[in-house]
C-alpha atoms as a PDB file:
ATOM      1  CA  VAL A   1      72.336  18.666 119.576  1.00  0.00           C
ATOM      2  CA  GLN A   2      70.502  16.098 121.749  1.00  0.00           C
ATOM      3  CA  LEU A   3      66.910  15.401 122.378  1.00  0.00           C
ATOM      4  CA  HIS A   4      66.811  15.272 126.191  1.00  0.00           C
ATOM      5  CA  ASN A   5      65.054  12.495 128.044  1.00  0.00           C
ATOM      6  CA  VAL A   6      63.382  10.628 125.145  1.00  0.00           C
ATOM      7  CA  ASN A   7      60.291   8.825 126.377  1.00  0.00           C
ATOM      8  CA  ASP A   8      58.416   8.259 123.195  1.00  0.00           C
ATOM      9  CA  PRO A   9      59.369   5.106 121.135  1.00  0.00           C
ATOM     10  CA  GLY A  10      57.990   6.771 117.991  1.00  0.00           C
ATOM     11  CA  GLN A  11      60.073   9.912 118.429  1.00  0.00           C
ATOM     12  CA  ASP A  12      61.307  11.156 114.974  1.00  0.00           C
ATOM     13  CA  LEU A  13      64.845  12.585 114.835  1.00  0.00           C
ATOM     14  CA  GLY A  14      64.384  13.905 111.359  1.00  0.00           C
ATOM     15  CA  PRO A  15      64.449  17.569 112.515  1.00  0.00           C
ATOM     16  CA  LEU A  16      67.824  16.873 114.241  1.00  0.00           C
ATOM     17  CA  ARG A  17      69.176  15.163 111.035  1.00  0.00           C
ATOM     18  CA  ASP A  18      68.104  18.332 109.086  1.00  0.00           C
ATOM     19  CA  LEU A  19      70.091  20.519 111.417  1.00  0.00           C
ATOM     20  CA  LYS A  20      73.099  18.310 110.995  1.00  0.00           C
ATOM     21  CA  ARG A  21      72.846  18.307 107.120  1.00  0.00           C
ATOM     22  CA  GLN A  22      72.518  22.111 107.263  1.00  0.00           C
ATOM     23  CA  GLY A  23      75.859  22.239 109.199  1.00  0.00           C
ATOM     24  CA  SER A  24      74.246  23.641 112.303  1.00  0.00           C
ATOM     25  CA  CYS A  25      75.607  20.809 114.436  1.00  0.00           C
ATOM     26  CA  ARG A  26      78.097  18.001 113.944  1.00  0.00           C
ATOM     27  CA  TYR A  27      76.341  15.248 116.008  1.00  0.00           C
ATOM     28  CA  THR A  28      72.879  14.420 117.069  1.00  0.00           C
ATOM     29  CA  GLY A  29      71.716  12.196 119.807  1.00  0.00           C
ATOM     30  CA  ILE A  30      69.266  11.387 122.576  1.00  0.00           C
ATOM     31  CA  THR A  31      69.472  11.165 126.390  1.00  0.00           C
ATOM     32  CA  THR A  32      67.661   9.347 129.002  1.00  0.00           C
ATOM     33  CA  THR A  33      68.275   8.931 132.691  1.00  0.00           C
ATOM     34  CA  PHE A  34      65.076   7.163 133.579  1.00  0.00           C
ATOM     35  CA  GLY A  35      64.883   3.405 133.572  1.00  0.00           C
ATOM     36  CA  GLY A  36      61.270   3.527 132.690  1.00  0.00           C
ATOM     37  CA  ALA A  37      62.214   5.298 129.457  1.00  0.00           C
ATOM     38  CA  TYR A  38      64.891   2.755 128.326  1.00  0.00           C
ATOM     39  CA  ALA A  39      62.507   0.759 126.048  1.00  0.00           C
ATOM     40  CA  ALA A  40      61.542   3.949 124.283  1.00  0.00           C
ATOM     41  CA  ALA A  41      65.203   4.981 123.960  1.00  0.00           C
ATOM     42  CA  GLU A  42      66.083   1.570 122.565  1.00  0.00           C
ATOM     43  CA  ALA A  43      63.291   1.727 119.954  1.00  0.00           C
ATOM     44  CA  VAL A  44      64.594   5.122 118.816  1.00  0.00           C
ATOM     45  CA  ILE A  45      68.159   4.054 118.739  1.00  0.00           C
ATOM     46  CA  ARG A  46      67.483   0.965 116.687  1.00  0.00           C
ATOM     47  CA  ARG A  47      65.207   2.868 114.175  1.00  0.00           C
ATOM     48  CA  GLU A  48      66.910   6.297 114.072  1.00  0.00           C
ATOM     49  CA  LYS A  49      70.529   5.320 114.706  1.00  0.00           C
ATOM     50  CA  PRO A  50      71.587   8.722 116.408  1.00  0.00           C
ATOM     51  CA  ASP A  51      75.215   9.568 116.667  1.00  0.00           C
ATOM     52  CA  PHE A  52      75.127   9.257 120.364  1.00  0.00           C
ATOM     53  CA  LEU A  53      73.247   8.244 123.405  1.00  0.00           C
ATOM     54  CA  GLU A  54      73.668   9.817 126.872  1.00  0.00           C
ATOM     55  CA  VAL A  55      72.500   7.384 129.657  1.00  0.00           C
ATOM     56  CA  ASP A  56      72.862   6.914 133.348  1.00  0.00           C
ATOM     57  CA  TYR A  57      75.111   4.052 134.182  1.00  0.00           C
ATOM     58  CA  ALA A  58      77.246   3.176 137.190  1.00  0.00           C
ATOM     59  CA  ILE A  59      78.723   0.112 139.016  1.00  0.00           C
ATOM     60  CA  ASP A  60      75.522  -0.003 141.183  1.00  0.00           C
ATOM     61  CA  ASN A  61      73.189   1.104 138.460  1.00  0.00           C
ATOM     62  CA  ARG A  62      73.686  -1.351 135.566  1.00  0.00           C
ATOM     63  CA  ASP A  63      70.160  -1.423 134.183  1.00  0.00           C
ATOM     64  CA  ALA A  64      71.193   0.388 130.924  1.00  0.00           C
ATOM     65  CA  ALA A  65      73.698  -2.390 130.154  1.00  0.00           C
ATOM     66  CA  ALA A  66      70.862  -4.875 129.731  1.00  0.00           C
ATOM     67  CA  ARG A  67      69.292  -3.437 126.579  1.00  0.00           C
ATOM     68  CA  VAL A  68      69.902   0.237 125.832  1.00  0.00           C
ATOM     69  CA  ILE A  69      73.650   0.212 125.753  1.00  0.00           C
ATOM     70  CA  PRO A  70      73.768  -3.044 123.570  1.00  0.00           C
ATOM     71  CA  ALA A  71      71.205  -1.369 121.196  1.00  0.00           C
ATOM     72  CA  ALA A  72      73.526   1.648 120.898  1.00  0.00           C
ATOM     73  CA  ALA A  73      76.517  -0.532 120.156  1.00  0.00           C
ATOM     74  CA  ASP A  74      74.483  -2.535 117.518  1.00  0.00           C
ATOM     75  CA  ALA A  75      73.420   0.764 115.844  1.00  0.00           C
ATOM     76  CA  GLY A  76      76.975   2.287 115.835  1.00  0.00           C
ATOM     77  CA  THR A  77      75.833   4.925 118.315  1.00  0.00           C
ATOM     78  CA  ALA A  78      78.395   6.298 120.705  1.00  0.00           C
ATOM     79  CA  VAL A  79      77.592   5.939 124.376  1.00  0.00           C
ATOM     80  CA  LEU A  80      78.111   8.857 126.734  1.00  0.00           C
ATOM     81  CA  VAL A  81      77.656   7.886 130.456  1.00  0.00           C
ATOM     82  CA  ALA A  82      76.064  10.367 132.847  1.00  0.00           C
ATOM     83  CA  LEU A  83      75.932   9.916 136.605  1.00  0.00           C
ATOM     84  CA  PRO A  84      78.805   7.421 136.924  1.00  0.00           C
ATOM     85  CA  PHE A  85      79.020   8.071 140.623  1.00  0.00           C
ATOM     86  CA  GLY A  86      75.304   7.666 141.147  1.00  0.00           C
ATOM     87  CA  ARG A  87      74.671  11.262 142.271  1.00  0.00           C
ATOM     88  CA  GLY A  88      77.359  10.647 145.000  1.00  0.00           C
ATOM     89  CA  ARG A  89      75.714   7.494 146.266  1.00  0.00           C
ATOM     90  CA  LEU A  90      78.762   5.405 145.490  1.00  0.00           C
ATOM     91  CA  PHE A  91      81.035   7.613 147.441  1.00  0.00           C
ATOM     92  CA  ARG A  92      78.716   7.515 150.418  1.00  0.00           C
ATOM     93  CA  SER A  93      78.738   3.704 150.365  1.00  0.00           C
ATOM     94  CA  ALA A  94      82.552   3.640 150.170  1.00  0.00           C
ATOM     95  CA  LEU A  95      83.144   6.321 152.784  1.00  0.00           C
ATOM     96  CA  GLY A  96      85.791   5.146 155.260  1.00  0.00           C
ATOM     97  CA  LYS A  97      86.211   1.851 153.516  1.00  0.00           C
ATOM     98  CA  PRO A  98      89.492   0.721 151.941  1.00  0.00           C
ATOM     99  CA  LEU A  99      89.949   0.393 148.223  1.00  0.00           C
ATOM    100  CA  PRO A 100      90.764  -3.201 147.586  1.00  0.00           C
ATOM    101  CA  ASP A 101      94.457  -4.140 147.201  1.00  0.00           C
ATOM    102  CA  TRP A 102      93.710  -5.788 143.882  1.00  0.00           C
ATOM    103  CA  ALA A 103      92.518  -2.388 142.475  1.00  0.00           C
ATOM    104  CA  ALA A 104      96.169  -1.934 141.595  1.00  0.00           C
ATOM    105  CA  GLU A 105      95.810  -4.578 138.993  1.00  0.00           C
ATOM    106  CA  ILE A 106      93.932  -2.005 136.897  1.00  0.00           C
ATOM    107  CA  ASP A 107      96.152   0.826 137.944  1.00  0.00           C
ATOM    108  CA  CYS A 108      93.504   2.255 140.269  1.00  0.00           C
ATOM    109  CA  ARG A 109      94.496   4.496 143.143  1.00  0.00           C
ATOM    110  CA  THR A 110      91.221   6.066 144.337  1.00  0.00           C
ATOM    111  CA  TRP A 111      87.457   5.274 144.616  1.00  0.00           C
ATOM    112  CA  ALA A 112      86.651   7.747 141.860  1.00  0.00           C
ATOM    113  CA  GLN A 113      89.018   5.938 139.493  1.00  0.00           C
ATOM    114  CA  PHE A 114      87.596   2.482 140.660  1.00  0.00           C
ATOM    115  CA  PHE A 115      84.044   3.601 139.784  1.00  0.00           C
ATOM    116  CA  LEU A 116      85.064   5.314 136.462  1.00  0.00           C
ATOM    117  CA  LYS A 117      87.183   2.414 135.292  1.00  0.00           C
ATOM    118  CA  TYR A 118      84.325  -0.003 135.819  1.00  0.00           C
ATOM    119  CA  VAL A 119      82.199   2.136 133.404  1.00  0.00           C
ATOM    120  CA  LEU A 120      85.120   2.747 130.927  1.00  0.00           C
ATOM    121  CA  GLY A 121      85.773  -1.046 130.920  1.00  0.00           C
ATOM    122  CA  ASN A 122      82.466  -1.642 129.174  1.00  0.00           C
ATOM    123  CA  PRO A 123      83.589  -1.862 125.478  1.00  0.00           C
ATOM    124  CA  ALA A 124      80.415  -0.093 124.342  1.00  0.00           C
ATOM    125  CA  VAL A 125      81.141   3.046 126.388  1.00  0.00           C
ATOM    126  CA  THR A 126      82.618   5.865 124.438  1.00  0.00           C
ATOM    127  CA  ALA A 127      83.092   8.514 127.117  1.00  0.00           C
ATOM    128  CA  VAL A 128      82.117   9.248 130.703  1.00  0.00           C
ATOM    129  CA  ILE A 129      80.691  12.559 132.019  1.00  0.00           C
ATOM    130  CA  PRO A 130      81.633  12.522 135.816  1.00  0.00           C
ATOM    131  CA  GLY A 131      80.810  16.215 136.434  1.00  0.00           C
ATOM    132  CA  THR A 132      82.696  18.180 139.045  1.00  0.00           C
ATOM    133  CA  ASP A 133      83.521  21.760 139.958  1.00  0.00           C
ATOM    134  CA  LYS A 134      86.809  20.938 141.756  1.00  0.00           C
ATOM    135  CA  PRO A 135      90.042  20.834 139.678  1.00  0.00           C
ATOM    136  CA  SER A 136      91.570  18.233 142.059  1.00  0.00           C
ATOM    137  CA  HIS A 137      88.599  15.906 141.329  1.00  0.00           C
ATOM    138  CA  MET A 138      88.916  16.423 137.653  1.00  0.00           C
ATOM    139  CA  VAL A 139      92.619  15.418 137.725  1.00  0.00           C
ATOM    140  CA  ASP A 140      91.671  12.364 139.801  1.00  0.00           C
ATOM    141  CA  ASN A 141      88.925  11.566 137.377  1.00  0.00           C
ATOM    142  CA  LEU A 142      91.264  11.768 134.446  1.00  0.00           C
ATOM    143  CA  GLY A 143      93.435   9.165 136.100  1.00  0.00           C
ATOM    144  CA  ALA A 144      90.728   6.559 135.377  1.00  0.00           C
ATOM    145  CA  GLY A 145      91.627   6.766 131.721  1.00  0.00           C
ATOM    146  CA  LEU A 146      95.249   5.923 132.300  1.00  0.00           C
ATOM    147  CA  GLY A 147      96.664   2.441 132.657  1.00  0.00           C
ATOM    148  CA  ARG A 148      94.796  -0.774 132.341  1.00  0.00           C
ATOM    149  CA  LEU A 149      90.964  -1.105 132.226  1.00  0.00           C
ATOM    150  CA  PRO A 150      89.067  -3.985 133.761  1.00  0.00           C
ATOM    151  CA  ASP A 151      88.078  -6.960 131.677  1.00  0.00           C
ATOM    152  CA  ALA A 152      84.757  -8.708 132.176  1.00  0.00           C
ATOM    153  CA  ALA A 153      85.992 -10.887 135.021  1.00  0.00           C
ATOM    154  CA  MET A 154      87.491  -7.939 136.752  1.00  0.00           C
ATOM    155  CA  ARG A 155      84.343  -5.895 136.363  1.00  0.00           C
ATOM    156  CA  THR A 156      82.381  -8.808 137.951  1.00  0.00           C
ATOM    157  CA  ARG A 157      84.790  -8.773 140.936  1.00  0.00           C
ATOM    158  CA  MET A 158      84.417  -5.027 141.165  1.00  0.00           C
ATOM    159  CA  VAL A 159      80.605  -5.216 141.315  1.00  0.00           C
ATOM    160  CA  GLN A 160      80.872  -7.878 143.988  1.00  0.00           C
ATOM    161  CA  TYR A 161      83.150  -5.741 146.101  1.00  0.00           C
ATOM    162  CA  VAL A 162      80.935  -2.735 145.849  1.00  0.00           C
ATOM    163  CA  GLN A 163      77.866  -4.820 146.749  1.00  0.00           C
ATOM    164  CA  SER A 164      79.775  -6.104 149.898  1.00  0.00           C
ATOM    165  CA  LEU A 165      80.232  -2.478 151.113  1.00  0.00           C
ATOM    166  CA  GLY A 166      76.541  -2.581 151.995  1.00  0.00           C
END
């Protein structure tokens, strides 16, 4: 069970914990996909220590990595990433542009895998929710979990390359 789009720093997750104790659910958590609500989500995470946080995070939308994802890591809260493709924005910026040759260093064959491997390379990220209705995209997305993941230096290189796509 998740409390969707938390924006109150005083939010009490007691009722969710009650549901968990009663066996009505296995995990409880919160979500936020609004940068303006990150401070509230961070406060709730630090105080309530939910099982998981679902947050928007992508190679071109890294705001959550500044405070809310580290807060989750400190609290032992799993991080589920929503919108790793930036609502399609990343694909539009890469359209017609080549994947860099050095993407092979992290066993990356497609732009989808490039974007997902960036997110999965963050050690605090537990899982990514790419969302698709096309089986071929699902198979491609799964490829991001295979092979090597980028380290911090490679992730910096990936950001710089995406920024150069303009």
